[in-house]
C-alpha atoms as a PDB file:
ATOM      1  CA  MET A   1      81.556  89.594  47.620  1.00  0.00           C
ATOM      2  CA  SER A   2      84.933  89.206  45.893  1.00  0.00           C
ATOM      3  CA  ARG A   3      87.455  86.780  47.211  1.00  0.00           C
ATOM      4  CA  ALA A   4      89.688  89.707  48.155  1.00  0.00           C
ATOM      5  CA  ASN A   5      87.495  90.757  51.050  1.00  0.00           C
ATOM      6  CA  LYS A   6      85.720  87.476  51.716  1.00  0.00           C
ATOM      7  CA  PRO A   7      87.490  85.812  54.663  1.00  0.00           C
ATOM      8  CA  PRO A   8      87.879  82.039  54.790  1.00  0.00           C
ATOM      9  CA  PHE A   9      85.006  80.099  56.364  1.00  0.00           C
ATOM     10  CA  LEU A  10      85.213  80.125  60.170  1.00  0.00           C
ATOM     11  CA  ALA A  11      88.153  82.555  59.994  1.00  0.00           C
ATOM     12  CA  PRO A  12      86.794  84.769  62.832  1.00  0.00           C
ATOM     13  CA  ILE A  13      86.556  81.751  65.136  1.00  0.00           C
ATOM     14  CA  ARG A  14      90.043  80.667  64.184  1.00  0.00           C
ATOM     15  CA  GLY A  15      91.217  84.229  64.861  1.00  0.00           C
ATOM     16  CA  VAL A  16      89.839  84.170  68.406  1.00  0.00           C
ATOM     17  CA  ILE A  17      91.443  80.773  69.068  1.00  0.00           C
ATOM     18  CA  ALA A  18      94.765  81.965  67.646  1.00  0.00           C
ATOM     19  CA  ILE A  19      94.798  85.155  69.752  1.00  0.00           C
ATOM     20  CA  ALA A  20      94.008  83.180  72.917  1.00  0.00           C
ATOM     21  CA  ALA A  21      96.728  80.628  72.119  1.00  0.00           C
ATOM     22  CA  VAL A  22      99.294  83.384  71.443  1.00  0.00           C
ATOM     23  CA  VAL A  23      98.500  85.108  74.758  1.00  0.00           C
ATOM     24  CA  ILE A  24      98.838  81.815  76.667  1.00  0.00           C
ATOM     25  CA  TRP A  25     102.121  81.021  74.902  1.00  0.00           C
ATOM     26  CA  LEU A  26     103.401  84.538  75.599  1.00  0.00           C
ATOM     27  CA  THR A  27     102.622  84.087  79.283  1.00  0.00           C
ATOM     28  CA  ILE A  28     104.465  80.760  79.379  1.00  0.00           C
ATOM     29  CA  CYS A  29     107.499  82.156  77.548  1.00  0.00           C
ATOM     30  CA  PHE A  30     107.610  85.296  79.703  1.00  0.00           C
ATOM     31  CA  SER A  31     107.515  83.211  82.904  1.00  0.00           C
ATOM     32  CA  VAL A  32     110.833  81.725  81.761  1.00  0.00           C
ATOM     33  CA  PHE A  33     112.093  84.911  80.063  1.00  0.00           C
ATOM     34  CA  PHE A  34     111.763  87.214  83.071  1.00  0.00           C
ATOM     35  CA  PRO A  35     113.890  85.379  85.673  1.00  0.00           C
ATOM     36  CA  ILE A  36     116.633  84.737  83.108  1.00  0.00           C
ATOM     37  CA  SER A  37     116.616  88.385  82.038  1.00  0.00           C
ATOM     38  CA  LEU A  38     117.264  89.484  85.627  1.00  0.00           C
ATOM     39  CA  LEU A  39     120.778  88.086  85.254  1.00  0.00           C
ATOM     40  CA  LYS A  40     121.547  91.013  82.920  1.00  0.00           C
ATOM     41  CA  ILE A  41     120.919  93.322  85.862  1.00  0.00           C
ATOM     42  CA  LEU A  42     122.406  91.199  88.632  1.00  0.00           C
ATOM     43  CA  ILE A  43     125.596  90.244  86.803  1.00  0.00           C
ATOM     44  CA  PRO A  44     126.853  93.323  84.895  1.00  0.00           C
ATOM     45  CA  ILE A  45     129.627  91.432  83.108  1.00  0.00           C
ATOM     46  CA  PRO A  46     129.602  91.930  79.305  1.00  0.00           C
ATOM     47  CA  ARG A  47     130.372  88.272  78.531  1.00  0.00           C
ATOM     48  CA  VAL A  48     127.609  87.038  80.826  1.00  0.00           C
ATOM     49  CA  GLN A  49     125.162  89.594  79.456  1.00  0.00           C
ATOM     50  CA  TYR A  50     125.974  88.501  75.902  1.00  0.00           C
ATOM     51  CA  TRP A  51     125.090  84.871  76.627  1.00  0.00           C
ATOM     52  CA  VAL A  52     122.005  85.809  78.620  1.00  0.00           C
ATOM     53  CA  THR A  53     120.813  87.884  75.674  1.00  0.00           C
ATOM     54  CA  SER A  54     121.440  84.884  73.392  1.00  0.00           C
ATOM     55  CA  ILE A  55     119.152  82.751  75.565  1.00  0.00           C
ATOM     56  CA  LEU A  56     116.501  85.470  75.599  1.00  0.00           C
ATOM     57  CA  LEU A  57     116.680  85.747  71.815  1.00  0.00           C
ATOM     58  CA  GLY A  58     116.169  81.976  71.616  1.00  0.00           C
ATOM     59  CA  LEU A  59     113.009  82.272  73.711  1.00  0.00           C
ATOM     60  CA  THR A  60     111.847  85.158  71.530  1.00  0.00           C
ATOM     61  CA  TRP A  61     112.509  83.025  68.443  1.00  0.00           C
ATOM     62  CA  LEU A  62     110.284  80.283  69.882  1.00  0.00           C
ATOM     63  CA  TRP A  63     107.500  82.733  70.691  1.00  0.00           C
ATOM     64  CA  ILE A  64     107.631  84.374  67.255  1.00  0.00           C
ATOM     65  CA  GLY A  65     107.651  80.971  65.564  1.00  0.00           C
ATOM     66  CA  PHE A  66     104.444  80.030  67.368  1.00  0.00           C
ATOM     67  CA  VAL A  67     102.838  83.393  66.532  1.00  0.00           C
ATOM     68  CA  ASN A  68     103.714  82.891  62.867  1.00  0.00           C
ATOM     69  CA  PHE A  69     102.275  79.367  62.876  1.00  0.00           C
ATOM     70  CA  MET A  70      99.013  80.458  64.518  1.00  0.00           C
ATOM     71  CA  GLY A  71      98.763  83.450  62.214  1.00  0.00           C
ATOM     72  CA  ARG A  72      99.057  81.295  59.120  1.00  0.00           C
ATOM     73  CA  TRP A  73      96.589  78.750  60.538  1.00  0.00           C
ATOM     74  CA  ALA A  74      94.014  81.386  61.472  1.00  0.00           C
ATOM     75  CA  SER A  75      94.234  83.655  58.444  1.00  0.00           C
ATOM     76  CA  GLY A  76      95.178  81.377  55.562  1.00  0.00           C
ATOM     77  CA  ILE A  77      97.261  84.278  54.332  1.00  0.00           C
ATOM     78  CA  GLU A  78      99.467  83.838  51.269  1.00  0.00           C
ATOM     79  CA  ILE A  79     102.833  85.614  51.452  1.00  0.00           C
ATOM     80  CA  ASP A  80     104.611  86.015  48.116  1.00  0.00           C
ATOM     81  CA  VAL A  81     108.270  86.793  48.872  1.00  0.00           C
ATOM     82  CA  GLN A  82     111.098  87.502  46.471  1.00  0.00           C
ATOM     83  CA  GLY A  83     114.566  88.934  46.984  1.00  0.00           C
ATOM     84  CA  LEU A  84     115.647  87.628  50.391  1.00  0.00           C
ATOM     85  CA  GLU A  85     117.390  84.521  49.118  1.00  0.00           C
ATOM     86  CA  ASN A  86     120.956  85.806  49.394  1.00  0.00           C
ATOM     87  CA  ILE A  87     120.838  87.416  52.849  1.00  0.00           C
ATOM     88  CA  ASN A  88     123.577  86.292  55.211  1.00  0.00           C
ATOM     89  CA  LYS A  89     121.810  85.106  58.388  1.00  0.00           C
ATOM     90  CA  ARG A  90     124.945  86.008  60.368  1.00  0.00           C
ATOM     91  CA  GLY A  91     125.312  89.438  58.823  1.00  0.00           C
ATOM     92  CA  HIS A  92     124.472  93.071  59.583  1.00  0.00           C
ATOM     93  CA  TYR A  93     121.906  94.949  57.502  1.00  0.00           C
ATOM     94  CA  PHE A  94     119.940  98.193  57.499  1.00  0.00           C
ATOM     95  CA  LEU A  95     116.373  97.783  56.242  1.00  0.00           C
ATOM     96  CA  PHE A  96     114.200 100.481  54.648  1.00  0.00           C
ATOM     97  CA  ALA A  97     110.495  99.623  54.361  1.00  0.00           C
ATOM     98  CA  ASN A  98     107.188 101.288  53.623  1.00  0.00           C
ATOM     99  CA  HIS A  99     104.738 101.316  56.521  1.00  0.00           C
ATOM    100  CA  SER A 100     101.011 100.967  55.779  1.00  0.00           C
ATOM    101  CA  ALA A 101      99.786  99.176  58.943  1.00  0.00           C
ATOM    102  CA  TRP A 102     101.155  97.807  62.197  1.00  0.00           C
ATOM    103  CA  THR A 103     100.614  94.371  60.648  1.00  0.00           C
ATOM    104  CA  ASP A 104     103.797  95.197  58.702  1.00  0.00           C
ATOM    105  CA  ILE A 105     105.657  94.199  61.862  1.00  0.00           C
ATOM    106  CA  ILE A 106     103.939  90.804  61.948  1.00  0.00           C
ATOM    107  CA  ILE A 107     104.885  90.263  58.301  1.00  0.00           C
ATOM    108  CA  LEU A 108     108.464  91.294  59.031  1.00  0.00           C
ATOM    109  CA  PHE A 109     108.702  88.738  61.840  1.00  0.00           C
ATOM    110  CA  GLN A 110     107.334  86.090  59.473  1.00  0.00           C
ATOM    111  CA  LEU A 111     110.145  87.001  57.060  1.00  0.00           C
ATOM    112  CA  TYR A 112     112.740  87.028  59.829  1.00  0.00           C
ATOM    113  CA  HIS A 113     112.009  83.474  60.967  1.00  0.00           C
ATOM    114  CA  GLY A 114     114.594  81.421  59.075  1.00  0.00           C
ATOM    115  CA  ARG A 115     115.438  84.088  56.474  1.00  0.00           C
ATOM    116  CA  MET A 116     117.337  86.932  58.140  1.00  0.00           C
ATOM    117  CA  PRO A 117     118.925  88.037  61.414  1.00  0.00           C
ATOM    118  CA  PHE A 118     116.716  89.172  64.284  1.00  0.00           C
ATOM    119  CA  PRO A 119     115.285  92.646  63.493  1.00  0.00           C
ATOM    120  CA  ARG A 120     115.694  95.645  65.822  1.00  0.00           C
ATOM    121  CA  TRP A 121     113.881  98.956  65.798  1.00  0.00           C
ATOM    122  CA  PHE A 122     115.070 102.259  67.251  1.00  0.00           C
ATOM    123  CA  MET A 123     112.332 103.016  69.751  1.00  0.00           C
ATOM    124  CA  LYS A 124     111.248 106.143  71.622  1.00  0.00           C
ATOM    125  CA  HIS A 125     112.548 105.978  75.171  1.00  0.00           C
ATOM    126  CA  SER A 126     109.018 106.441  76.560  1.00  0.00           C
ATOM    127  CA  LEU A 127     108.039 103.041  75.098  1.00  0.00           C
ATOM    128  CA  ILE A 128     110.302 101.287  77.589  1.00  0.00           C
ATOM    129  CA  TRP A 129     107.490 101.726  80.126  1.00  0.00           C
ATOM    130  CA  LEU A 130     104.979  99.715  78.098  1.00  0.00           C
ATOM    131  CA  PRO A 131     103.941  96.727  80.237  1.00  0.00           C
ATOM    132  CA  MET A 132     105.812  93.555  79.296  1.00  0.00           C
ATOM    133  CA  ILE A 133     106.552  94.735  75.735  1.00  0.00           C
ATOM    134  CA  GLY A 134     108.914  97.507  76.794  1.00  0.00           C
ATOM    135  CA  TYR A 135     110.760  95.180  79.150  1.00  0.00           C
ATOM    136  CA  VAL A 136     111.165  92.418  76.547  1.00  0.00           C
ATOM    137  CA  CYS A 137     112.435  94.942  73.978  1.00  0.00           C
ATOM    138  CA  TRP A 138     114.994  96.248  76.462  1.00  0.00           C
ATOM    139  CA  ALA A 139     116.122  92.730  77.393  1.00  0.00           C
ATOM    140  CA  VAL A 140     116.824  91.763  73.760  1.00  0.00           C
ATOM    141  CA  ASP A 141     118.764  95.003  73.178  1.00  0.00           C
ATOM    142  CA  MET A 142     116.276  97.037  71.212  1.00  0.00           C
ATOM    143  CA  PRO A 143     117.824 100.535  71.272  1.00  0.00           C
ATOM    144  CA  PHE A 144     115.769 103.187  73.099  1.00  0.00           C
ATOM    145  CA  MET A 145     116.631 106.698  72.001  1.00  0.00           C
ATOM    146  CA  HIS A 146     116.244 110.221  73.401  1.00  0.00           C
ATOM    147  CA  ARG A 147     115.761 112.242  70.228  1.00  0.00           C
ATOM    148  CA  LEU A 148     116.570 115.925  70.630  1.00  0.00           C
ATOM    149  CA  LYS A 149     114.163 118.369  69.039  1.00  0.00           C
ATOM    150  CA  PRO A 150     115.747 121.289  67.151  1.00  0.00           C
ATOM    151  CA  SER A 151     114.354 123.699  69.766  1.00  0.00           C
ATOM    152  CA  GLU A 152     116.032 121.690  72.562  1.00  0.00           C
ATOM    153  CA  ALA A 153     119.343 121.615  70.704  1.00  0.00           C
ATOM    154  CA  LYS A 154     119.280 125.428  70.366  1.00  0.00           C
ATOM    155  CA  LYS A 155     118.626 125.882  74.076  1.00  0.00           C
ATOM    156  CA  ARG A 156     121.280 123.348  75.051  1.00  0.00           C
ATOM    157  CA  PRO A 157     124.253 123.629  72.654  1.00  0.00           C
ATOM    158  CA  ASP A 158     126.228 121.357  75.013  1.00  0.00           C
ATOM    159  CA  LEU A 159     123.970 118.515  73.891  1.00  0.00           C
ATOM    160  CA  LYS A 160     124.991 118.910  70.263  1.00  0.00           C
ATOM    161  CA  GLY A 161     125.982 115.524  68.873  1.00  0.00           C
ATOM    162  CA  LYS A 162     124.437 113.680  71.815  1.00  0.00           C
ATOM    163  CA  ASP A 163     121.840 111.943  69.652  1.00  0.00           C
ATOM    164  CA  LEU A 164     124.531 110.616  67.305  1.00  0.00           C
ATOM    165  CA  GLU A 165     126.593 109.481  70.292  1.00  0.00           C
ATOM    166  CA  ASN A 166     123.558 107.659  71.708  1.00  0.00           C
ATOM    167  CA  THR A 167     122.945 105.990  68.346  1.00  0.00           C
ATOM    168  CA  ARG A 168     126.569 104.824  68.159  1.00  0.00           C
ATOM    169  CA  ARG A 169     126.408 103.454  71.694  1.00  0.00           C
ATOM    170  CA  ALA A 170     123.220 101.539  70.855  1.00  0.00           C
ATOM    171  CA  CYS A 171     124.702 100.158  67.627  1.00  0.00           C
ATOM    172  CA  GLU A 172     127.847  99.021  69.464  1.00  0.00           C
ATOM    173  CA  LYS A 173     125.811  96.148  70.915  1.00  0.00           C
ATOM    174  CA  PHE A 174     125.198  94.880  67.382  1.00  0.00           C
ATOM    175  CA  ARG A 175     128.891  94.629  66.506  1.00  0.00           C
ATOM    176  CA  HIS A 176     129.221  91.022  67.653  1.00  0.00           C
ATOM    177  CA  ARG A 177     125.670  89.862  66.938  1.00  0.00           C
ATOM    178  CA  PRO A 178     123.762  89.449  63.630  1.00  0.00           C
ATOM    179  CA  VAL A 179     121.118  92.107  63.183  1.00  0.00           C
ATOM    180  CA  VAL A 180     118.722  93.780  60.798  1.00  0.00           C
ATOM    181  CA  VAL A 181     118.124  97.375  61.912  1.00  0.00           C
ATOM    182  CA  VAL A 182     114.667  98.422  60.681  1.00  0.00           C
ATOM    183  CA  ASN A 183     113.762 101.964  59.688  1.00  0.00           C
ATOM    184  CA  TYR A 184     110.300 102.995  58.484  1.00  0.00           C
ATOM    185  CA  LEU A 185     111.452 106.108  56.675  1.00  0.00           C
ATOM    186  CA  GLU A 186     107.947 107.567  56.468  1.00  0.00           C
ATOM    187  CA  GLY A 187     108.045 107.958  60.245  1.00  0.00           C
ATOM    188  CA  THR A 188     104.405 106.953  60.661  1.00  0.00           C
ATOM    189  CA  ARG A 189     101.821 104.615  59.161  1.00  0.00           C
ATOM    190  CA  PHE A 190     100.613 105.575  55.702  1.00  0.00           C
ATOM    191  CA  THR A 191      97.039 106.816  55.290  1.00  0.00           C
ATOM    192  CA  TRP A 192      95.493 108.731  52.415  1.00  0.00           C
ATOM    193  CA  GLU A 193      94.630 111.547  54.815  1.00  0.00           C
ATOM    194  CA  LYS A 194      98.276 111.896  55.906  1.00  0.00           C
ATOM    195  CA  HIS A 195      99.258 111.672  52.261  1.00  0.00           C
ATOM    196  CA  ARG A 196      96.890 114.533  51.367  1.00  0.00           C
ATOM    197  CA  ARG A 197      97.908 116.746  54.299  1.00  0.00           C
ATOM    198  CA  SER A 198     101.640 116.314  53.706  1.00  0.00           C
ATOM    199  CA  ARG A 199     101.296 116.810  49.943  1.00  0.00           C
ATOM    200  CA  SER A 200     103.628 113.888  49.347  1.00  0.00           C
ATOM    201  CA  PRO A 201     105.173 113.851  45.880  1.00  0.00           C
ATOM    202  CA  TYR A 202     104.774 110.049  45.788  1.00  0.00           C
ATOM    203  CA  ARG A 203     101.650 108.196  44.689  1.00  0.00           C
ATOM    204  CA  ASN A 204     101.722 105.435  47.323  1.00  0.00           C
ATOM    205  CA  LEU A 205     104.119 106.712  49.993  1.00  0.00           C
ATOM    206  CA  LEU A 206     104.681 109.527  52.418  1.00  0.00           C
ATOM    207  CA  ALA A 207     107.854 111.516  51.877  1.00  0.00           C
ATOM    208  CA  PRO A 208     110.846 109.905  53.646  1.00  0.00           C
ATOM    209  CA  LYS A 209     112.329 111.404  56.807  1.00  0.00           C
ATOM    210  CA  LEU A 210     116.078 111.258  56.699  1.00  0.00           C
ATOM    211  CA  GLY A 211     117.338 112.085  60.212  1.00  0.00           C
ATOM    212  CA  GLY A 212     117.149 108.675  61.891  1.00  0.00           C
ATOM    213  CA  ALA A 213     118.453 106.820  58.844  1.00  0.00           C
ATOM    214  CA  GLY A 214     121.377 109.219  58.528  1.00  0.00           C
ATOM    215  CA  PHE A 215     122.351 108.783  62.188  1.00  0.00           C
ATOM    216  CA  THR A 216     122.254 104.984  61.873  1.00  0.00           C
ATOM    217  CA  LEU A 217     124.363 104.978  58.715  1.00  0.00           C
ATOM    218  CA  ASN A 218     126.935 107.231  60.408  1.00  0.00           C
ATOM    219  CA  ALA A 219     126.959 105.030  63.505  1.00  0.00           C
ATOM    220  CA  MET A 220     127.208 101.547  62.024  1.00  0.00           C
ATOM    221  CA  GLY A 221     127.767 101.917  58.286  1.00  0.00           C
ATOM    222  CA  GLU A 222     131.133 100.138  58.360  1.00  0.00           C
ATOM    223  CA  LEU A 223     129.482  97.073  59.954  1.00  0.00           C
ATOM    224  CA  LEU A 224     126.792  96.748  57.307  1.00  0.00           C
ATOM    225  CA  GLU A 225     126.859  94.175  54.542  1.00  0.00           C
ATOM    226  CA  GLY A 226     124.083  95.924  52.656  1.00  0.00           C
ATOM    227  CA  ILE A 227     120.870  97.920  52.663  1.00  0.00           C
ATOM    228  CA  ILE A 228     117.652  95.903  52.366  1.00  0.00           C
ATOM    229  CA  ASP A 229     115.031  97.848  50.416  1.00  0.00           C
ATOM    230  CA  LEU A 230     111.796  96.084  51.412  1.00  0.00           C
ATOM    231  CA  THR A 231     108.378  96.714  49.863  1.00  0.00           C
ATOM    232  CA  VAL A 232     105.200  95.273  51.398  1.00  0.00           C
ATOM    233  CA  VAL A 233     101.781  95.433  49.701  1.00  0.00           C
ATOM    234  CA  PHE A 234      98.520  93.993  51.066  1.00  0.00           C
ATOM    235  CA  SER A 235      95.783  92.622  48.847  1.00  0.00           C
ATOM    236  CA  PRO A 236      92.849  95.000  48.146  1.00  0.00           C
ATOM    237  CA  GLY A 237      89.669  94.984  50.220  1.00  0.00           C
ATOM    238  CA  CYS A 238      91.361  95.440  53.614  1.00  0.00           C
ATOM    239  CA  GLU A 239      93.376  97.988  55.568  1.00  0.00           C
ATOM    240  CA  GLY A 240      96.019  95.583  56.850  1.00  0.00           C
ATOM    241  CA  THR A 241      94.900  95.912  60.475  1.00  0.00           C
ATOM    242  CA  GLY A 242      95.449  93.283  63.139  1.00  0.00           C
ATOM    243  CA  MET A 243      91.749  92.401  62.963  1.00  0.00           C
ATOM    244  CA  ASP A 244      92.035  91.999  59.195  1.00  0.00           C
ATOM    245  CA  TYR A 245      94.964  89.646  59.773  1.00  0.00           C
ATOM    246  CA  ALA A 246      93.258  87.615  62.517  1.00  0.00           C
ATOM    247  CA  THR A 247      89.972  87.200  60.632  1.00  0.00           C
ATOM    248  CA  GLY A 248      91.448  86.337  57.263  1.00  0.00           C
ATOM    249  CA  ARG A 249      90.520  89.506  55.377  1.00  0.00           C
ATOM    250  CA  ILE A 250      94.132  89.851  54.243  1.00  0.00           C
ATOM    251  CA  ARG A 251      94.188  87.241  51.509  1.00  0.00           C
ATOM    252  CA  LYS A 252      97.670  87.931  50.193  1.00  0.00           C
ATOM    253  CA  VAL A 253     100.789  89.949  50.949  1.00  0.00           C
ATOM    254  CA  VAL A 254     103.377  90.641  48.285  1.00  0.00           C
ATOM    255  CA  VAL A 255     106.908  91.285  49.560  1.00  0.00           C
ATOM    256  CA  ARG A 256     109.699  92.388  47.272  1.00  0.00           C
ATOM    257  CA  ALA A 257     113.255  93.005  48.458  1.00  0.00           C
ATOM    258  CA  ARG A 258     116.526  94.045  46.899  1.00  0.00           C
ATOM    259  CA  ILE A 259     119.948  94.345  48.514  1.00  0.00           C
ATOM    260  CA  LEU A 260     121.683  97.653  47.878  1.00  0.00           C
ATOM    261  CA  PRO A 261     125.340  98.519  48.519  1.00  0.00           C
ATOM    262  CA  VAL A 262     126.134 100.690  51.522  1.00  0.00           C
ATOM    263  CA  PRO A 263     126.836 104.315  50.421  1.00  0.00           C
ATOM    264  CA  MET A 264     130.260 104.572  52.032  1.00  0.00           C
ATOM    265  CA  ASP A 265     130.762 108.133  50.780  1.00  0.00           C
ATOM    266  CA  ILE A 266     127.868 109.086  53.091  1.00  0.00           C
ATOM    267  CA  VAL A 267     128.868 106.830  56.000  1.00  0.00           C
ATOM    268  CA  HIS A 268     132.038 108.817  56.665  1.00  0.00           C
ATOM    269  CA  CYS A 269     130.362 112.242  56.555  1.00  0.00           C
ATOM    270  CA  ASP A 270     128.661 114.276  59.249  1.00  0.00           C
ATOM    271  CA  LEU A 271     125.266 114.828  57.675  1.00  0.00           C
ATOM    272  CA  ARG A 272     124.498 117.675  60.073  1.00  0.00           C
ATOM    273  CA  GLU A 273     127.536 119.718  59.033  1.00  0.00           C
ATOM    274  CA  ASP A 274     128.314 118.571  55.467  1.00  0.00           C
ATOM    275  CA  ASP A 275     125.738 120.122  53.126  1.00  0.00           C
ATOM    276  CA  ALA A 276     127.052 118.300  50.048  1.00  0.00           C
ATOM    277  CA  ALA A 277     126.853 114.914  51.795  1.00  0.00           C
ATOM    278  CA  ARG A 278     123.348 115.699  53.051  1.00  0.00           C
ATOM    279  CA  ILE A 279     122.223 116.461  49.479  1.00  0.00           C
ATOM    280  CA  ARG A 280     123.802 113.217  48.190  1.00  0.00           C
ATOM    281  CA  PHE A 281     122.038 111.287  50.958  1.00  0.00           C
ATOM    282  CA  ARG A 282     118.704 112.967  50.205  1.00  0.00           C
ATOM    283  CA  ASP A 283     119.030 112.218  46.493  1.00  0.00           C
ATOM    284  CA  TRP A 284     120.020 108.608  47.216  1.00  0.00           C
ATOM    285  CA  VAL A 285     116.986 108.035  49.456  1.00  0.00           C
ATOM    286  CA  ASN A 286     114.652 109.785  47.019  1.00  0.00           C
ATOM    287  CA  GLU A 287     115.852 107.503  44.232  1.00  0.00           C
ATOM    288  CA  ILE A 288     115.079 104.460  46.405  1.00  0.00           C
ATOM    289  CA  TRP A 289     111.670 105.899  47.280  1.00  0.00           C
ATOM    290  CA  ALA A 290     110.794 106.654  43.636  1.00  0.00           C
ATOM    291  CA  TYR A 291     111.644 103.056  42.709  1.00  0.00           C
ATOM    292  CA  LYS A 292     109.551 101.745  45.598  1.00  0.00           C
ATOM    293  CA  ASP A 293     106.616 103.965  44.653  1.00  0.00           C
ATOM    294  CA  GLN A 294     106.586 102.626  41.083  1.00  0.00           C
ATOM    295  CA  GLN A 295     106.987  99.085  42.361  1.00  0.00           C
ATOM    296  CA  ILE A 296     103.942  99.454  44.645  1.00  0.00           C
ATOM    297  CA  THR A 297     101.890 100.794  41.711  1.00  0.00           C
ATOM    298  CA  GLU A 298     102.820  97.763  39.608  1.00  0.00           C
ATOM    299  CA  ILE A 299     102.131  95.253  42.408  1.00  0.00           C
ATOM    300  CA  LYS A 300      98.753  96.835  43.134  1.00  0.00           C
ATOM    301  CA  ALA A 301      97.803  96.569  39.459  1.00  0.00           C
ATOM    302  CA  GLN A 302      98.656  92.854  39.525  1.00  0.00           C
ATOM    303  CA  LEU A 303      96.626  92.305  42.724  1.00  0.00           C
ATOM    304  CA  VAL A 304      93.622  94.210  41.319  1.00  0.00           C
ATOM    305  CA  GLU A 305      93.666  91.930  38.304  1.00  0.00           C
ATOM    306  CA  GLU A 306      94.055  88.835  40.497  1.00  0.00           C
ATOM    307  CA  PHE A 307      91.302  89.675  43.007  1.00  0.00           C
ATOM    308  CA  GLY A 308      88.948  91.749  40.913  1.00  0.00           C
ATOM    309  CA  ILE A 309      88.584  94.637  43.378  1.00  0.00           C
ATOM    310  CA  GLU A 310      90.042  98.120  43.357  1.00  0.00           C
ATOM    311  CA  TYR A 311      92.122  99.824  46.025  1.00  0.00           C
ATOM    312  CA  ASP A 312      91.068 103.090  47.649  1.00  0.00           C
ATOM    313  CA  LYS A 313      91.467 106.106  45.409  1.00  0.00           C
ATOM    314  CA  PRO A 314      95.089 107.354  45.438  1.00  0.00           C
ATOM    315  CA  GLY A 315      95.751 110.505  47.394  1.00  0.00           C
ATOM    316  CA  ILE A 316      96.963 112.405  44.319  1.00  0.00           C
ATOM    317  CA  GLU A 317      93.556 111.919  42.687  1.00  0.00           C
ATOM    318  CA  GLN A 318      91.782 112.921  45.909  1.00  0.00           C
ATOM    319  CA  ARG A 319      93.867 116.100  46.045  1.00  0.00           C
ATOM    320  CA  ALA A 320      92.984 116.957  42.446  1.00  0.00           C
ATOM    321  CA  GLU A 321      89.282 116.728  43.262  1.00  0.00           C
ATOM    322  CA  SER A 322      89.512 118.808  46.471  1.00  0.00           C
END
């Protein structure tokens, strides 16, 4: 068995201990978090709500710090990071990232701790009803969005522009607080099956979806200090699942970031009405995605050489054989 898929000795036992410790610590933190968070409901004064949210973010910071510590202890994972050195921890950024597993979120929180502002995701409104998780996300101002489907917009023309208005209202909360707004442009986790079905033009990525990113740029582009283009690649011999992480099967994660300027010529355009701006935005994102695709190919080649095991066959080769 190669060292890429051979977990450290006793890693499964460490994983069980780490998961139990994280659950206990989450319970302790939430017992403090919940009563404090009620002040946001009981005292609807913006200044009070701002400071309550600051306290809640501090508790979240403590919980994430413990999760990161236990994760490193249990998995022995090596994270090779480059490109985040010049991020302003008090700034506002929009982050584009590839999405190969939900463990990407764990890795992002490891990067956040001490390196960048607290990350936020735009979440489906239905997720607010998830036990504990939905409540915590609401309390720390994760934006929950009602996305209108094209069919709904046609039936209700009075709702035209409502999604952009909702995005702007959500982003308004970030004006006076450092933030990294995260967007997984692929819209779903990458798998070779999804890659084959969608006939993606990229070797290692699904084609990017532009709607959510365009709304966010329109809503908060003038606040942004830059665009973080983040690429995450797991070592071969694993799928990047939570179980892989907990049991030490993920031996290494390579993270590469670059800070791009905000495309102000797009920020001030209505991408739904301005065809020329929409084309410029599409070309800009496709250029970023092509760079990322080539970068993933190069990183994978380095990891194959380092660990002596191949990745799954790329979807383009699978398609050629089918």
